Amino acid sequence: MIPTITTFKWVPEFARGFVRDIRARWAFEEAGQAYAVDLVDGAYVKSESHRRFQPFGQIPTYRDDKVAIFESGAIVLHICETHGALVPPDPAAHIRAVQWLIAALNSVEPWVMQLAVVDVFEADRDWSKSRRGKVIDDLNVRLGDLSNALDGKQTLDGGDFTFGDLMMVSVLGGLRRTGVLDRHPDLARYVARGEARPAHRKAMADHLAVFGNAVTG
């Protein structure tokens, strides 16, 4: 079977461009690998049948002839390693790319998501406004750490763009339109370089096209 991912057939305007299927789509495009998309709704994602495979009721998921997996990091890693895309040939550089993929998801994304929580998902809660300053401060500390690690390099490891960079750019892309990266111009340039890659531009266009065709929530 052609590799297939699931994603939403409709999301609100604020979520367009941010749903995590973009990560799998980008990896497919970097690999030059055709893929199919199963479009699902929120009810299905929370259904018992979906949760038997994806216990947390989330997307994307991935299936091919050999594996069925969830979690965007695992999916990106599988696509890239299967097709030799964005994979450093040197074993030491390869594991460093894995390191950065995990760091993006574990050491950076939780801080990015806290901002989304107070600004979007729980913006109507009384405590969100009072908490926002602390969230921004914590996020800037973490981004400062990342900026120091980048240290003027074009990529995280200083060589070719890897699947670790793909994931880090995707995570930092969650700050799009927030203005947070204005305080970290080197990271803003790093994200801009990643998002300018033809594979990312194609993946984003295909991601957004789904919602352009949707007529209702």
N, C-alpha and C. Protein backbone atom coordinates (compact mmCIF):
# COMPACT_ATOMS: atom_id res chain seq x y z
N MET A 1 0.84 -1.20 0.00
CA MET A 1 0.00 0.00 0.00
C MET A 1 0.87 1.24 0.00
N ILE A 2 0.34 2.30 -0.56
CA ILE A 2 1.05 3.57 -0.50
C ILE A 2 1.01 4.06 0.94
N PRO A 3 2.11 4.62 1.45
CA PRO A 3 2.08 5.15 2.82
C PRO A 3 0.92 6.12 2.99
N THR A 4 0.23 5.98 4.12
CA THR A 4 -0.98 6.77 4.34
C THR A 4 -0.93 7.40 5.72
N ILE A 5 -1.27 8.69 5.78
CA ILE A 5 -1.40 9.37 7.05
C ILE A 5 -2.85 9.81 7.25
N THR A 6 -3.21 10.01 8.51
CA THR A 6 -4.51 10.59 8.82
C THR A 6 -4.31 12.03 9.25
N THR A 7 -5.28 12.85 8.90
CA THR A 7 -5.31 14.22 9.43
C THR A 7 -6.75 14.73 9.37
N PHE A 8 -6.97 15.88 9.93
CA PHE A 8 -8.32 16.44 9.99
C PHE A 8 -8.77 16.96 8.63
N LYS A 9 -10.05 16.75 8.34
CA LYS A 9 -10.61 17.31 7.11
C LYS A 9 -11.03 18.76 7.29
N TRP A 10 -11.10 19.22 8.54
CA TRP A 10 -11.44 20.61 8.82
C TRP A 10 -10.88 20.98 10.19
N VAL A 11 -10.31 22.18 10.29
CA VAL A 11 -9.92 22.74 11.59
C VAL A 11 -10.25 24.22 11.56
N PRO A 12 -10.39 24.86 12.74
CA PRO A 12 -10.66 26.30 12.75
C PRO A 12 -9.52 27.09 12.11
N GLU A 13 -9.81 28.29 11.73
CA GLU A 13 -8.84 29.13 11.03
C GLU A 13 -7.52 29.24 11.79
N PHE A 14 -7.59 29.41 13.11
CA PHE A 14 -6.35 29.64 13.88
C PHE A 14 -5.42 28.44 13.86
N ALA A 15 -5.95 27.25 13.57
CA ALA A 15 -5.13 26.03 13.60
C ALA A 15 -4.53 25.69 12.25
N ARG A 16 -4.96 26.37 11.21
CA ARG A 16 -4.48 26.03 9.87
C ARG A 16 -3.03 26.46 9.70
N GLY A 17 -2.23 25.49 9.27
CA GLY A 17 -0.80 25.72 9.17
C GLY A 17 -0.02 25.20 10.36
N PHE A 18 -0.76 24.71 11.37
CA PHE A 18 -0.11 24.26 12.60
C PHE A 18 -0.38 22.80 12.94
N VAL A 19 -1.36 22.18 12.31
CA VAL A 19 -1.67 20.78 12.62
C VAL A 19 -0.47 19.91 12.26
N ARG A 20 -0.21 18.90 13.06
CA ARG A 20 1.06 18.19 12.97
C ARG A 20 1.20 17.26 11.77
N ASP A 21 0.16 17.10 10.97
CA ASP A 21 0.36 16.36 9.72
C ASP A 21 1.38 17.04 8.82
N ILE A 22 1.59 18.37 9.02
CA ILE A 22 2.56 19.08 8.20
C ILE A 22 3.94 18.46 8.33
N ARG A 23 4.25 17.90 9.50
CA ARG A 23 5.57 17.31 9.71
C ARG A 23 5.75 16.07 8.85
N ALA A 24 4.76 15.21 8.83
CA ALA A 24 4.83 14.02 7.98
C ALA A 24 4.85 14.41 6.51
N ARG A 25 4.01 15.34 6.12
CA ARG A 25 3.97 15.79 4.72
C ARG A 25 5.35 16.32 4.29
N TRP A 26 5.97 17.10 5.15
CA TRP A 26 7.28 17.66 4.83
C TRP A 26 8.30 16.55 4.64
N ALA A 27 8.30 15.57 5.53
CA ALA A 27 9.23 14.46 5.40
C ALA A 27 9.00 13.70 4.10
N PHE A 28 7.75 13.45 3.76
CA PHE A 28 7.45 12.79 2.48
C PHE A 28 8.01 13.58 1.30
N GLU A 29 7.82 14.88 1.33
CA GLU A 29 8.29 15.71 0.22
C GLU A 29 9.81 15.71 0.14
N GLU A 30 10.49 15.76 1.27
CA GLU A 30 11.96 15.69 1.26
C GLU A 30 12.43 14.35 0.69
N ALA A 31 11.66 13.31 0.94
CA ALA A 31 12.02 11.97 0.47
C ALA A 31 11.60 11.72 -0.97
N GLY A 32 10.76 12.59 -1.54
CA GLY A 32 10.22 12.35 -2.87
C GLY A 32 9.30 11.15 -2.90
N GLN A 33 8.60 10.90 -1.80
CA GLN A 33 7.75 9.73 -1.65
C GLN A 33 6.27 10.13 -1.74
N ALA A 34 5.57 9.50 -2.67
CA ALA A 34 4.12 9.73 -2.77
C ALA A 34 3.44 9.16 -1.52
N TYR A 35 2.32 9.77 -1.16
CA TYR A 35 1.60 9.30 0.02
C TYR A 35 0.12 9.61 -0.14
N ALA A 36 -0.68 8.95 0.66
CA ALA A 36 -2.12 9.18 0.67
C ALA A 36 -2.52 9.78 2.01
N VAL A 37 -3.68 10.42 2.02
CA VAL A 37 -4.17 11.07 3.24
C VAL A 37 -5.61 10.62 3.48
N ASP A 38 -5.86 10.09 4.67
CA ASP A 38 -7.21 9.82 5.12
C ASP A 38 -7.68 11.01 5.93
N LEU A 39 -8.73 11.66 5.48
CA LEU A 39 -9.26 12.83 6.17
C LEU A 39 -10.34 12.39 7.16
N VAL A 40 -10.19 12.77 8.40
CA VAL A 40 -11.11 12.35 9.46
C VAL A 40 -11.60 13.57 10.22
N ASP A 41 -12.65 13.35 11.02
CA ASP A 41 -13.17 14.45 11.83
C ASP A 41 -12.86 14.21 13.30
N GLY A 42 -13.21 15.19 14.11
CA GLY A 42 -12.90 15.12 15.52
C GLY A 42 -13.59 13.97 16.23
N ALA A 43 -14.80 13.66 15.82
CA ALA A 43 -15.53 12.56 16.45
C ALA A 43 -14.81 11.24 16.22
N TYR A 44 -14.32 11.04 15.01
CA TYR A 44 -13.61 9.79 14.73
C TYR A 44 -12.33 9.70 15.55
N VAL A 45 -11.59 10.81 15.63
CA VAL A 45 -10.31 10.79 16.34
C VAL A 45 -10.50 10.41 17.81
N LYS A 46 -11.63 10.79 18.39
CA LYS A 46 -11.89 10.45 19.79
C LYS A 46 -12.65 9.13 19.95
N SER A 47 -12.92 8.45 18.86
CA SER A 47 -13.71 7.23 18.91
C SER A 47 -12.90 6.06 19.46
N GLU A 48 -13.61 5.05 19.90
CA GLU A 48 -12.96 3.85 20.44
C GLU A 48 -12.12 3.16 19.37
N SER A 49 -12.61 3.11 18.14
CA SER A 49 -11.87 2.42 17.09
C SER A 49 -10.53 3.09 16.81
N HIS A 50 -10.51 4.43 16.80
CA HIS A 50 -9.24 5.12 16.59
C HIS A 50 -8.33 4.98 17.81
N ARG A 51 -8.90 5.05 19.00
CA ARG A 51 -8.10 4.97 20.22
C ARG A 51 -7.48 3.59 20.42
N ARG A 52 -8.04 2.57 19.81
CA ARG A 52 -7.40 1.25 19.90
C ARG A 52 -6.03 1.27 19.23
N PHE A 53 -5.86 2.17 18.27
CA PHE A 53 -4.56 2.33 17.61
C PHE A 53 -3.79 3.50 18.19
N GLN A 54 -4.46 4.63 18.34
CA GLN A 54 -3.84 5.85 18.87
C GLN A 54 -4.51 6.15 20.21
N PRO A 55 -3.95 5.66 21.32
CA PRO A 55 -4.65 5.71 22.60
C PRO A 55 -4.96 7.10 23.12
N PHE A 56 -4.29 8.12 22.57
CA PHE A 56 -4.49 9.48 23.06
C PHE A 56 -5.50 10.26 22.22
N GLY A 57 -6.03 9.63 21.18
CA GLY A 57 -7.04 10.28 20.35
C GLY A 57 -6.50 11.48 19.61
N GLN A 58 -5.36 11.29 18.93
CA GLN A 58 -4.71 12.38 18.21
C GLN A 58 -4.39 11.98 16.77
N ILE A 59 -3.99 12.96 16.00
CA ILE A 59 -3.44 12.74 14.66
C ILE A 59 -2.11 13.49 14.59
N PRO A 60 -1.24 13.13 13.63
CA PRO A 60 -1.43 12.16 12.56
C PRO A 60 -1.11 10.74 13.02
N THR A 61 -1.57 9.79 12.22
CA THR A 61 -1.10 8.42 12.31
C THR A 61 -0.54 8.04 10.94
N TYR A 62 0.16 6.90 10.91
CA TYR A 62 0.85 6.48 9.69
C TYR A 62 0.71 4.98 9.53
N ARG A 63 0.48 4.55 8.28
CA ARG A 63 0.46 3.12 7.97
C ARG A 63 1.14 2.89 6.62
N ASP A 64 1.89 1.81 6.54
CA ASP A 64 2.38 1.32 5.25
C ASP A 64 2.29 -0.20 5.29
N ASP A 65 2.94 -0.89 4.36
CA ASP A 65 2.84 -2.34 4.30
C ASP A 65 3.47 -3.05 5.49
N LYS A 66 4.35 -2.35 6.20
CA LYS A 66 5.10 -3.01 7.26
C LYS A 66 4.78 -2.49 8.66
N VAL A 67 4.45 -1.22 8.78
CA VAL A 67 4.25 -0.67 10.11
C VAL A 67 3.00 0.19 10.18
N ALA A 68 2.50 0.33 11.41
CA ALA A 68 1.41 1.26 11.71
C ALA A 68 1.82 1.97 13.00
N ILE A 69 2.03 3.28 12.93
CA ILE A 69 2.58 4.01 14.06
C ILE A 69 1.87 5.35 14.23
N PHE A 70 2.05 5.92 15.43
CA PHE A 70 1.58 7.28 15.68
C PHE A 70 2.72 8.08 16.31
N GLU A 71 2.46 9.35 16.59
CA GLU A 71 3.41 10.34 17.07
C GLU A 71 4.22 10.91 15.90
N SER A 72 4.14 12.22 15.73
CA SER A 72 4.75 12.87 14.56
C SER A 72 6.26 12.64 14.52
N GLY A 73 6.92 12.60 15.67
CA GLY A 73 8.36 12.38 15.67
C GLY A 73 8.73 11.00 15.14
N ALA A 74 7.99 9.98 15.59
CA ALA A 74 8.24 8.63 15.11
C ALA A 74 7.95 8.52 13.62
N ILE A 75 6.90 9.19 13.18
CA ILE A 75 6.53 9.14 11.76
C ILE A 75 7.60 9.79 10.90
N VAL A 76 8.05 10.99 11.29
CA VAL A 76 9.10 11.67 10.53
C VAL A 76 10.37 10.83 10.50
N LEU A 77 10.75 10.28 11.63
CA LEU A 77 11.96 9.46 11.68
C LEU A 77 11.83 8.24 10.78
N HIS A 78 10.68 7.60 10.79
CA HIS A 78 10.47 6.42 9.95
C HIS A 78 10.54 6.78 8.47
N ILE A 79 9.86 7.85 8.08
CA ILE A 79 9.87 8.25 6.67
C ILE A 79 11.29 8.56 6.21
N CYS A 80 11.99 9.38 6.98
CA CYS A 80 13.32 9.81 6.58
C CYS A 80 14.31 8.65 6.54
N GLU A 81 14.26 7.79 7.55
CA GLU A 81 15.21 6.68 7.58
C GLU A 81 14.87 5.63 6.53
N THR A 82 13.60 5.42 6.25
CA THR A 82 13.21 4.44 5.23
C THR A 82 13.70 4.86 3.85
N HIS A 83 13.65 6.16 3.58
CA HIS A 83 13.96 6.66 2.24
C HIS A 83 15.31 7.38 2.17
N GLY A 84 16.04 7.39 3.25
CA GLY A 84 17.36 8.02 3.24
C GLY A 84 17.31 9.51 3.02
N ALA A 85 16.26 10.15 3.52
CA ALA A 85 16.09 11.60 3.34
C ALA A 85 16.50 12.34 4.60
N LEU A 86 17.36 13.33 4.46
CA LEU A 86 17.80 14.16 5.58
C LEU A 86 18.52 13.35 6.65
N VAL A 87 19.08 12.21 6.26
CA VAL A 87 19.76 11.32 7.21
C VAL A 87 21.27 11.45 7.02
N PRO A 88 21.99 11.92 8.03
CA PRO A 88 23.44 12.02 7.89
C PRO A 88 24.07 10.63 7.71
N PRO A 89 25.01 10.48 6.81
CA PRO A 89 25.62 9.16 6.60
C PRO A 89 26.55 8.73 7.73
N ASP A 90 27.11 9.70 8.42
CA ASP A 90 28.01 9.39 9.53
C ASP A 90 27.21 8.97 10.75
N PRO A 91 27.53 7.82 11.37
CA PRO A 91 26.74 7.34 12.52
C PRO A 91 26.67 8.34 13.67
N ALA A 92 27.75 9.04 13.96
CA ALA A 92 27.73 10.00 15.04
C ALA A 92 26.81 11.17 14.72
N ALA A 93 26.87 11.65 13.47
CA ALA A 93 25.99 12.74 13.06
C ALA A 93 24.53 12.27 13.03
N HIS A 94 24.33 11.01 12.67
CA HIS A 94 22.97 10.45 12.62
C HIS A 94 22.33 10.48 14.00
N ILE A 95 23.06 10.02 15.01
CA ILE A 95 22.46 9.99 16.35
C ILE A 95 22.30 11.41 16.90
N ARG A 96 23.13 12.33 16.45
CA ARG A 96 22.92 13.72 16.86
C ARG A 96 21.65 14.28 16.25
N ALA A 97 21.33 13.85 15.03
CA ALA A 97 20.07 14.28 14.42
C ALA A 97 18.88 13.73 15.21
N VAL A 98 19.00 12.47 15.66
CA VAL A 98 17.96 11.88 16.52
C VAL A 98 17.85 12.70 17.80
N GLN A 99 19.00 13.04 18.36
CA GLN A 99 19.05 13.87 19.58
C GLN A 99 18.26 15.15 19.39
N TRP A 100 18.47 15.85 18.27
CA TRP A 100 17.79 17.12 18.05
C TRP A 100 16.30 16.93 17.78
N LEU A 101 15.92 15.84 17.11
CA LEU A 101 14.50 15.56 16.92
C LEU A 101 13.81 15.40 18.27
N ILE A 102 14.44 14.64 19.17
CA ILE A 102 13.86 14.43 20.50
C ILE A 102 13.88 15.73 21.30
N ALA A 103 14.95 16.51 21.18
CA ALA A 103 15.03 17.78 21.90
C ALA A 103 13.92 18.73 21.45
N ALA A 104 13.63 18.75 20.15
CA ALA A 104 12.56 19.61 19.65
C ALA A 104 11.23 19.27 20.32
N LEU A 105 10.95 17.99 20.44
CA LEU A 105 9.67 17.55 20.98
C LEU A 105 9.63 17.58 22.50
N ASN A 106 10.76 17.35 23.14
CA ASN A 106 10.77 17.19 24.59
C ASN A 106 11.27 18.43 25.33
N SER A 107 12.22 19.15 24.75
CA SER A 107 12.84 20.27 25.45
C SER A 107 12.40 21.64 24.95
N VAL A 108 11.72 21.70 23.80
CA VAL A 108 11.29 22.98 23.25
C VAL A 108 9.77 23.04 23.11
N GLU A 109 9.17 22.03 22.51
CA GLU A 109 7.73 22.11 22.22
C GLU A 109 6.85 22.31 23.45
N PRO A 110 7.13 21.70 24.61
CA PRO A 110 6.26 21.97 25.76
C PRO A 110 6.18 23.44 26.12
N TRP A 111 7.27 24.19 25.96
CA TRP A 111 7.27 25.63 26.25
C TRP A 111 6.49 26.39 25.18
N VAL A 112 6.61 25.96 23.93
CA VAL A 112 5.84 26.57 22.86
C VAL A 112 4.35 26.34 23.09
N MET A 113 4.00 25.13 23.49
CA MET A 113 2.59 24.81 23.68
C MET A 113 1.97 25.54 24.86
N GLN A 114 2.76 25.87 25.87
CA GLN A 114 2.22 26.63 26.99
C GLN A 114 1.70 27.99 26.53
N LEU A 115 2.39 28.58 25.55
CA LEU A 115 1.91 29.85 25.02
C LEU A 115 0.59 29.65 24.27
N ALA A 116 0.49 28.57 23.51
CA ALA A 116 -0.76 28.28 22.81
C ALA A 116 -1.90 28.05 23.80
N VAL A 117 -1.59 27.44 24.93
CA VAL A 117 -2.62 27.20 25.94
C VAL A 117 -3.20 28.52 26.46
N VAL A 118 -2.32 29.45 26.86
CA VAL A 118 -2.83 30.69 27.46
C VAL A 118 -3.38 31.66 26.42
N ASP A 119 -2.88 31.58 25.19
CA ASP A 119 -3.33 32.52 24.15
C ASP A 119 -4.54 32.02 23.37
N VAL A 120 -4.70 30.69 23.28
CA VAL A 120 -5.74 30.14 22.41
C VAL A 120 -6.66 29.17 23.16
N PHE A 121 -6.11 28.06 23.59
CA PHE A 121 -6.95 26.96 24.06
C PHE A 121 -7.64 27.26 25.38
N GLU A 122 -7.00 28.05 26.25
CA GLU A 122 -7.62 28.40 27.52
C GLU A 122 -7.56 29.91 27.75
N ALA A 123 -7.66 30.65 26.66
CA ALA A 123 -7.58 32.11 26.75
C ALA A 123 -8.72 32.71 27.56
N ASP A 124 -9.83 31.98 27.67
CA ASP A 124 -10.98 32.50 28.40
C ASP A 124 -10.92 32.22 29.89
N ARG A 125 -9.89 31.52 30.34
CA ARG A 125 -9.76 31.25 31.78
C ARG A 125 -9.22 32.47 32.51
N ASP A 126 -9.67 32.65 33.73
CA ASP A 126 -9.26 33.83 34.51
C ASP A 126 -7.75 33.88 34.71
N TRP A 127 -7.13 32.72 34.85
CA TRP A 127 -5.70 32.71 35.18
C TRP A 127 -4.80 32.88 33.96
N SER A 128 -5.33 32.78 32.76
CA SER A 128 -4.47 32.80 31.57
C SER A 128 -3.72 34.12 31.42
N LYS A 129 -4.42 35.22 31.60
CA LYS A 129 -3.76 36.52 31.43
C LYS A 129 -2.66 36.74 32.46
N SER A 130 -2.93 36.36 33.70
CA SER A 130 -1.92 36.55 34.74
C SER A 130 -0.74 35.61 34.57
N ARG A 131 -0.96 34.47 33.97
CA ARG A 131 0.11 33.50 33.79
C ARG A 131 0.95 33.79 32.56
N ARG A 132 0.42 34.54 31.61
CA ARG A 132 1.08 34.70 30.31
C ARG A 132 2.50 35.26 30.44
N GLY A 133 2.71 36.22 31.32
CA GLY A 133 4.05 36.80 31.47
C GLY A 133 5.08 35.76 31.85
N LYS A 134 4.73 34.87 32.78
CA LYS A 134 5.64 33.81 33.19
C LYS A 134 5.88 32.83 32.05
N VAL A 135 4.84 32.52 31.29
CA VAL A 135 4.98 31.62 30.14
C VAL A 135 5.96 32.21 29.13
N ILE A 136 5.81 33.49 28.83
CA ILE A 136 6.71 34.15 27.88
C ILE A 136 8.13 34.16 28.41
N ASP A 137 8.30 34.46 29.69
CA ASP A 137 9.64 34.48 30.27
C ASP A 137 10.31 33.11 30.17
N ASP A 138 9.58 32.08 30.54
CA ASP A 138 10.14 30.72 30.48
C ASP A 138 10.47 30.32 29.05
N LEU A 139 9.59 30.68 28.12
CA LEU A 139 9.82 30.35 26.72
C LEU A 139 11.06 31.07 26.21
N ASN A 140 11.24 32.33 26.56
CA ASN A 140 12.41 33.07 26.09
C ASN A 140 13.71 32.51 26.66
N VAL A 141 13.67 32.01 27.88
CA VAL A 141 14.85 31.36 28.44
C VAL A 141 15.20 30.12 27.62
N ARG A 142 14.19 29.33 27.32
CA ARG A 142 14.45 28.11 26.56
C ARG A 142 14.92 28.43 25.14
N LEU A 143 14.33 29.44 24.52
CA LEU A 143 14.77 29.83 23.18
C LEU A 143 16.18 30.42 23.22
N GLY A 144 16.51 31.09 24.29
CA GLY A 144 17.87 31.58 24.44
C GLY A 144 18.87 30.44 24.51
N ASP A 145 18.51 29.39 25.23
CA ASP A 145 19.37 28.20 25.27
C ASP A 145 19.56 27.61 23.88
N LEU A 146 18.47 27.54 23.13
CA LEU A 146 18.55 26.99 21.78
C LEU A 146 19.39 27.89 20.88
N SER A 147 19.21 29.19 21.01
CA SER A 147 19.99 30.14 20.22
C SER A 147 21.48 29.98 20.51
N ASN A 148 21.82 29.80 21.77
CA ASN A 148 23.22 29.59 22.13
C ASN A 148 23.77 28.31 21.50
N ALA A 149 22.93 27.29 21.44
CA ALA A 149 23.36 26.03 20.83
C ALA A 149 23.54 26.19 19.32
N LEU A 150 22.65 26.96 18.69
CA LEU A 150 22.78 27.19 17.25
C LEU A 150 24.05 27.98 16.96
N ASP A 151 24.32 28.99 17.77
CA ASP A 151 25.62 29.70 17.77
C ASP A 151 26.03 30.16 16.37
N GLY A 152 25.06 30.69 15.62
CA GLY A 152 25.38 31.25 14.31
C GLY A 152 25.46 30.24 13.19
N LYS A 153 25.28 28.97 13.48
CA LYS A 153 25.34 27.95 12.43
C LYS A 153 24.08 27.98 11.58
N GLN A 154 24.16 27.46 10.38
CA GLN A 154 23.00 27.38 9.49
C GLN A 154 22.05 26.27 9.91
N THR A 155 22.58 25.22 10.53
CA THR A 155 21.78 24.10 11.01
C THR A 155 22.22 23.78 12.43
N LEU A 156 21.45 22.94 13.10
CA LEU A 156 21.74 22.65 14.50
C LEU A 156 23.09 21.97 14.69
N ASP A 157 23.45 21.10 13.74
CA ASP A 157 24.71 20.38 13.87
C ASP A 157 25.82 21.01 13.04
N GLY A 158 25.48 22.06 12.29
CA GLY A 158 26.49 22.77 11.52
C GLY A 158 26.75 22.21 10.14
N GLY A 159 26.07 21.11 9.79
CA GLY A 159 26.26 20.51 8.47
C GLY A 159 25.00 20.62 7.65
N ASP A 160 24.68 19.54 6.95
CA ASP A 160 23.47 19.52 6.14
C ASP A 160 22.21 19.57 7.01
N PHE A 161 21.14 20.05 6.44
CA PHE A 161 19.82 20.05 7.07
C PHE A 161 19.39 18.61 7.30
N THR A 162 19.01 18.26 8.52
CA THR A 162 18.65 16.89 8.86
C THR A 162 17.20 16.79 9.31
N PHE A 163 16.77 15.56 9.58
CA PHE A 163 15.42 15.38 10.12
C PHE A 163 15.30 16.01 11.51
N GLY A 164 16.42 16.17 12.21
CA GLY A 164 16.39 16.90 13.47
C GLY A 164 16.05 18.36 13.26
N ASP A 165 16.62 18.96 12.21
CA ASP A 165 16.27 20.33 11.86
C ASP A 165 14.82 20.44 11.42
N LEU A 166 14.36 19.47 10.64
CA LEU A 166 12.96 19.48 10.19
C LEU A 166 12.03 19.58 11.39
N MET A 167 12.29 18.75 12.41
CA MET A 167 11.41 18.76 13.56
C MET A 167 11.54 20.05 14.36
N MET A 168 12.76 20.55 14.51
CA MET A 168 12.93 21.79 15.28
C MET A 168 12.26 22.96 14.58
N VAL A 169 12.43 23.06 13.27
CA VAL A 169 11.76 24.15 12.53
C VAL A 169 10.25 24.01 12.66
N SER A 170 9.74 22.79 12.60
CA SER A 170 8.30 22.58 12.73
C SER A 170 7.80 23.02 14.09
N VAL A 171 8.55 22.69 15.13
CA VAL A 171 8.15 23.10 16.49
C VAL A 171 8.20 24.61 16.62
N LEU A 172 9.28 25.23 16.18
CA LEU A 172 9.38 26.68 16.26
C LEU A 172 8.35 27.38 15.38
N GLY A 173 7.92 26.70 14.33
CA GLY A 173 6.86 27.25 13.50
C GLY A 173 5.56 27.46 14.25
N GLY A 174 5.43 26.78 15.40
CA GLY A 174 4.26 27.00 16.24
C GLY A 174 4.20 28.40 16.82
N LEU A 175 5.31 29.14 16.72
CA LEU A 175 5.35 30.52 17.20
C LEU A 175 5.02 31.53 16.11
N ARG A 176 4.69 31.03 14.92
CA ARG A 176 4.34 31.91 13.82
C ARG A 176 3.22 32.86 14.24
N ARG A 177 3.38 34.12 13.94
CA ARG A 177 2.39 35.18 14.20
C ARG A 177 2.33 35.60 15.67
N THR A 178 3.19 35.06 16.53
CA THR A 178 3.19 35.47 17.93
C THR A 178 4.15 36.61 18.22
N GLY A 179 5.15 36.81 17.36
CA GLY A 179 6.16 37.83 17.59
C GLY A 179 7.26 37.41 18.54
N VAL A 180 7.17 36.21 19.11
CA VAL A 180 8.15 35.78 20.10
C VAL A 180 9.54 35.66 19.49
N LEU A 181 9.63 35.18 18.27
CA LEU A 181 10.95 34.98 17.66
C LEU A 181 11.64 36.29 17.29
N ASP A 182 10.91 37.41 17.39
CA ASP A 182 11.54 38.71 17.13
C ASP A 182 12.69 38.97 18.10
N ARG A 183 12.61 38.40 19.29
CA ARG A 183 13.67 38.57 20.27
C ARG A 183 14.84 37.62 20.02
N HIS A 184 14.67 36.72 19.08
CA HIS A 184 15.70 35.73 18.78
C HIS A 184 15.91 35.67 17.27
N PRO A 185 16.51 36.72 16.69
CA PRO A 185 16.58 36.83 15.23
C PRO A 185 17.32 35.68 14.57
N ASP A 186 18.29 35.11 15.25
CA ASP A 186 18.99 33.97 14.65
C ASP A 186 18.07 32.78 14.50
N LEU A 187 17.18 32.56 15.48
CA LEU A 187 16.21 31.48 15.37
C LEU A 187 15.16 31.80 14.31
N ALA A 188 14.77 33.07 14.22
CA ALA A 188 13.82 33.47 13.18
C ALA A 188 14.40 33.19 11.80
N ARG A 189 15.68 33.50 11.61
CA ARG A 189 16.31 33.23 10.32
C ARG A 189 16.42 31.72 10.07
N TYR A 190 16.72 30.98 11.11
CA TYR A 190 16.80 29.52 11.01
C TYR A 190 15.46 28.93 10.56
N VAL A 191 14.37 29.39 11.17
CA VAL A 191 13.04 28.92 10.78
C VAL A 191 12.73 29.34 9.34
N ALA A 192 13.06 30.57 8.99
CA ALA A 192 12.78 31.06 7.64
C ALA A 192 13.51 30.23 6.59
N ARG A 193 14.76 29.85 6.89
CA ARG A 193 15.51 29.02 5.94
C ARG A 193 14.83 27.66 5.78
N GLY A 194 14.41 27.07 6.89
CA GLY A 194 13.77 25.77 6.80
C GLY A 194 12.45 25.83 6.05
N GLU A 195 11.64 26.84 6.37
CA GLU A 195 10.34 26.95 5.74
C GLU A 195 10.43 27.37 4.28
N ALA A 196 11.59 27.88 3.85
CA ALA A 196 11.78 28.24 2.45
C ALA A 196 12.16 27.04 1.59
N ARG A 197 12.45 25.91 2.22
CA ARG A 197 12.80 24.73 1.43
C ARG A 197 11.61 24.31 0.57
N PRO A 198 11.85 23.96 -0.70
CA PRO A 198 10.74 23.59 -1.58
C PRO A 198 9.85 22.51 -1.00
N ALA A 199 10.43 21.54 -0.29
CA ALA A 199 9.63 20.45 0.28
C ALA A 199 8.66 20.98 1.33
N HIS A 200 9.11 21.92 2.13
CA HIS A 200 8.21 22.49 3.13
C HIS A 200 7.11 23.31 2.47
N ARG A 201 7.48 24.09 1.47
CA ARG A 201 6.48 24.92 0.80
C ARG A 201 5.40 24.06 0.15
N LYS A 202 5.80 22.94 -0.46
CA LYS A 202 4.82 22.03 -1.08
C LYS A 202 3.95 21.38 -0.01
N ALA A 203 4.58 20.93 1.09
CA ALA A 203 3.83 20.29 2.16
C ALA A 203 2.81 21.24 2.77
N MET A 204 3.22 22.47 2.99
CA MET A 204 2.30 23.46 3.59
C MET A 204 1.15 23.77 2.63
N ALA A 205 1.46 23.89 1.35
CA ALA A 205 0.41 24.16 0.37
C ALA A 205 -0.62 23.03 0.35
N ASP A 206 -0.16 21.80 0.39
CA ASP A 206 -1.07 20.66 0.38
C ASP A 206 -1.88 20.59 1.68
N HIS A 207 -1.24 20.89 2.79
CA HIS A 207 -1.93 20.93 4.08
C HIS A 207 -3.06 21.97 4.06
N LEU A 208 -2.77 23.16 3.58
CA LEU A 208 -3.76 24.22 3.58
C LEU A 208 -4.85 23.97 2.54
N ALA A 209 -4.51 23.29 1.46
CA ALA A 209 -5.49 23.03 0.41
C ALA A 209 -6.65 22.20 0.94
N VAL A 210 -6.40 21.33 1.90
CA VAL A 210 -7.47 20.51 2.48
C VAL A 210 -8.55 21.42 3.07
N PHE A 211 -8.14 22.44 3.80
CA PHE A 211 -9.09 23.31 4.46
C PHE A 211 -9.70 24.31 3.50
N GLY A 212 -8.99 24.61 2.44
CA GLY A 212 -9.57 25.46 1.41
C GLY A 212 -10.75 24.78 0.72
N ASN A 213 -10.70 23.44 0.68
CA ASN A 213 -11.78 22.68 0.05
C ASN A 213 -12.91 22.37 1.02
N ALA A 214 -12.65 22.55 2.31
CA ALA A 214 -13.68 22.24 3.31
C ALA A 214 -14.75 23.32 3.31
N VAL A 215 -15.99 22.90 3.45
CA VAL A 215 -17.09 23.85 3.43
C VAL A 215 -17.76 24.00 4.78
N THR A 216 -17.45 23.14 5.72
CA THR A 216 -18.10 23.21 7.01
C THR A 216 -17.25 22.58 8.08
N GLY A 217 -17.47 22.95 9.31
CA GLY A 217 -16.77 22.32 10.42
C GLY A 217 -17.49 21.09 10.87
